[in-house]
Structures are given as structure tokens and as C-alpha cells.
Amino acid sequence: MVKTINAAIIGCNMSEDFFTTTDANTIENFSWKKIFLGGKPASVKSHPQAEIVERAESILHDADIDLVFVSANHLQFVKPIIDAGKSVRVI
């Protein structure tokens, strides 16, 4: 049985296809909870269930989120994410 992983995204500077078509998404069964776009327009068509947040800190303080994907442009959030007890994947 595959466990659903509550995940979030900080920064989306790459194709959204990464988050919907990779083998990891099929195997790991991510449930996208929050997305911080880092000042980009608030539009993420591939994850309509995810909340678009204006501050990355709302992801850090969300106890339901287990894993945060961080784009290379937002590496300053890696340590605070780890300090918040969450796992991180840099993309």
C-alpha cells in the first residue's frame, strides 16, 4: 500500500509537467496542499486542489505538510523547512 504524502511547493520556475508526469508522483502519491509561487502570477492549473499562498512561511507552519519541493531559486527556505521538521526535495 502506498502512503499519500502531503506535499507543498516553494517556487515554480519549471514546467508544471514535472509535478504531474514524473514516476515519483505515480509511485509516491503526492497530495498537493499548498503552493508558494515566489511572486509569480497565482495560477497553477495542474493542482486546482492546492491552496496558492502569498507567504512561504504558511507552508512551514502547516503541520499537515510532510514534504516540501523547493526550486533552486528559493534555497533560503531549505534550512527553515528542515528546522520545521519537514522533508525537502530541491528541484
C-alpha atoms as a PDB file:
ATOM      1  CA  MET A   1       0.000   0.000   0.000  1.00  0.00           C
ATOM      2  CA  VAL A   2       1.291   3.435  -0.955  1.00  0.00           C
ATOM      3  CA  LYS A   3       1.021   6.188   1.647  1.00  0.00           C
ATOM      4  CA  THR A   4      -0.231   9.556   0.497  1.00  0.00           C
ATOM      5  CA  ILE A   5       2.371  12.248   1.157  1.00  0.00           C
ATOM      6  CA  ASN A   6       1.072  15.722   1.942  1.00  0.00           C
ATOM      7  CA  ALA A   7       3.350  17.985  -0.049  1.00  0.00           C
ATOM      8  CA  ALA A   8       3.902  21.628  -0.889  1.00  0.00           C
ATOM      9  CA  ILE A   9       5.875  23.554  -3.470  1.00  0.00           C
ATOM     10  CA  ILE A  10       8.008  26.655  -2.979  1.00  0.00           C
ATOM     11  CA  GLY A  11       8.783  28.252  -6.328  1.00  0.00           C
ATOM     12  CA  CYS A  12       7.589  27.006  -9.685  1.00  0.00           C
ATOM     13  CA  ASN A  13      10.206  28.121 -12.142  1.00  0.00           C
ATOM     14  CA  MET A  14       9.986  24.981 -14.235  1.00  0.00           C
ATOM     15  CA  SER A  15       7.260  23.265 -16.218  1.00  0.00           C
ATOM     16  CA  GLU A  16       4.286  22.155 -14.154  1.00  0.00           C
ATOM     17  CA  ASP A  17       4.503  18.876 -16.057  1.00  0.00           C
ATOM     18  CA  PHE A  18       7.249  17.845 -13.605  1.00  0.00           C
ATOM     19  CA  PHE A  19       4.695  17.675 -10.825  1.00  0.00           C
ATOM     20  CA  THR A  20       2.157  15.569 -12.713  1.00  0.00           C
ATOM     21  CA  THR A  21       4.073  13.236 -15.002  1.00  0.00           C
ATOM     22  CA  THR A  22       7.143  12.006 -13.167  1.00  0.00           C
ATOM     23  CA  ASP A  23       7.411   8.429 -11.929  1.00  0.00           C
ATOM     24  CA  ALA A  24       7.806   9.749  -8.384  1.00  0.00           C
ATOM     25  CA  ASN A  25       4.316  11.241  -8.458  1.00  0.00           C
ATOM     26  CA  THR A  26       2.829   7.971  -9.658  1.00  0.00           C
ATOM     27  CA  ILE A  27       4.667   5.887  -7.077  1.00  0.00           C
ATOM     28  CA  GLU A  28       4.618   8.226  -4.080  1.00  0.00           C
ATOM     29  CA  ASN A  29       1.055   9.520  -4.409  1.00  0.00           C
ATOM     30  CA  PHE A  30       1.525  13.178  -3.503  1.00  0.00           C
ATOM     31  CA  SER A  31      -1.375  15.217  -2.214  1.00  0.00           C
ATOM     32  CA  TRP A  32      -0.508  18.823  -3.086  1.00  0.00           C
ATOM     33  CA  LYS A  33      -1.642  21.070  -0.223  1.00  0.00           C
ATOM     34  CA  LYS A  34      -0.019  24.486  -0.716  1.00  0.00           C
ATOM     35  CA  ILE A  35       1.994  26.265  -3.372  1.00  0.00           C
ATOM     36  CA  PHE A  36       4.094  29.406  -2.991  1.00  0.00           C
ATOM     37  CA  LEU A  37       4.914  30.798  -6.409  1.00  0.00           C
ATOM     38  CA  GLY A  38       7.514  33.308  -5.299  1.00  0.00           C
ATOM     39  CA  GLY A  39       5.937  36.407  -6.772  1.00  0.00           C
ATOM     40  CA  LYS A  40       4.715  34.787  -9.977  1.00  0.00           C
ATOM     41  CA  PRO A  41       1.082  35.021 -11.116  1.00  0.00           C
ATOM     42  CA  ALA A  42      -1.243  32.919  -8.972  1.00  0.00           C
ATOM     43  CA  SER A  43      -2.202  30.266 -11.478  1.00  0.00           C
ATOM     44  CA  VAL A  44      -1.426  26.582 -11.158  1.00  0.00           C
ATOM     45  CA  LYS A  45      -3.754  24.693 -13.464  1.00  0.00           C
ATOM     46  CA  SER A  46      -2.411  21.223 -12.745  1.00  0.00           C
ATOM     47  CA  HIS A  47      -3.178  21.399  -8.990  1.00  0.00           C
ATOM     48  CA  PRO A  48      -6.558  23.092  -8.540  1.00  0.00           C
ATOM     49  CA  GLN A  49      -6.943  21.497  -5.090  1.00  0.00           C
ATOM     50  CA  ALA A  50      -3.787  23.183  -3.776  1.00  0.00           C
ATOM     51  CA  GLU A  51      -4.012  26.473  -1.936  1.00  0.00           C
ATOM     52  CA  ILE A  52      -1.904  29.218  -3.511  1.00  0.00           C
ATOM     53  CA  VAL A  53      -0.245  31.057  -0.639  1.00  0.00           C
ATOM     54  CA  GLU A  54       1.325  34.517  -0.589  1.00  0.00           C
ATOM     55  CA  ARG A  55       3.941  33.663   2.039  1.00  0.00           C
ATOM     56  CA  ALA A  56       6.194  30.612   2.123  1.00  0.00           C
ATOM     57  CA  GLU A  57       6.008  30.698   5.917  1.00  0.00           C
ATOM     58  CA  SER A  58       2.434  29.396   5.769  1.00  0.00           C
ATOM     59  CA  ILE A  59       3.900  26.169   4.381  1.00  0.00           C
ATOM     60  CA  LEU A  60       6.468  25.991   7.186  1.00  0.00           C
ATOM     61  CA  HIS A  61       3.780  26.354   9.864  1.00  0.00           C
ATOM     62  CA  ASP A  62       1.337  23.829   8.354  1.00  0.00           C
ATOM     63  CA  ALA A  63       1.563  20.675  10.476  1.00  0.00           C
ATOM     64  CA  ASP A  64      -0.165  18.589   7.791  1.00  0.00           C
ATOM     65  CA  ILE A  65       2.623  19.085   5.233  1.00  0.00           C
ATOM     66  CA  ASP A  66       5.335  16.406   5.329  1.00  0.00           C
ATOM     67  CA  LEU A  67       7.415  17.218   2.248  1.00  0.00           C
ATOM     68  CA  VAL A  68       8.297  20.469   0.506  1.00  0.00           C
ATOM     69  CA  PHE A  69       9.665  20.717  -3.022  1.00  0.00           C
ATOM     70  CA  VAL A  70      11.899  23.784  -3.318  1.00  0.00           C
ATOM     71  CA  SER A  71      13.126  25.247  -6.582  1.00  0.00           C
ATOM     72  CA  ALA A  72      16.806  26.121  -6.818  1.00  0.00           C
ATOM     73  CA  ASN A  73      15.839  29.807  -6.814  1.00  0.00           C
ATOM     74  CA  HIS A  74      14.482  29.531  -3.261  1.00  0.00           C
ATOM     75  CA  LEU A  75      17.249  27.695  -1.420  1.00  0.00           C
ATOM     76  CA  GLN A  76      16.996  30.117   1.520  1.00  0.00           C
ATOM     77  CA  PHE A  77      13.928  28.124   2.626  1.00  0.00           C
ATOM     78  CA  VAL A  78      15.708  24.747   2.910  1.00  0.00           C
ATOM     79  CA  LYS A  79      17.043  25.200   6.449  1.00  0.00           C
ATOM     80  CA  PRO A  80      13.772  26.649   7.844  1.00  0.00           C
ATOM     81  CA  ILE A  81      11.869  23.727   6.293  1.00  0.00           C
ATOM     82  CA  ILE A  82      14.200  21.214   7.911  1.00  0.00           C
ATOM     83  CA  ASP A  83      14.019  23.130  11.206  1.00  0.00           C
ATOM     84  CA  ALA A  84      10.206  22.843  10.953  1.00  0.00           C
ATOM     85  CA  GLY A  85      10.574  19.034  10.870  1.00  0.00           C
ATOM     86  CA  LYS A  86       9.668  18.583   7.217  1.00  0.00           C
ATOM     87  CA  SER A  87      11.485  16.761   4.440  1.00  0.00           C
ATOM     88  CA  VAL A  88      12.847  18.724   1.487  1.00  0.00           C
ATOM     89  CA  ARG A  89      13.484  17.952  -2.174  1.00  0.00           C
ATOM     90  CA  VAL A  90      15.395  20.560  -4.145  1.00  0.00           C
ATOM     91  CA  ILE A  91      14.422  20.671  -7.805  1.00  0.00           C
END
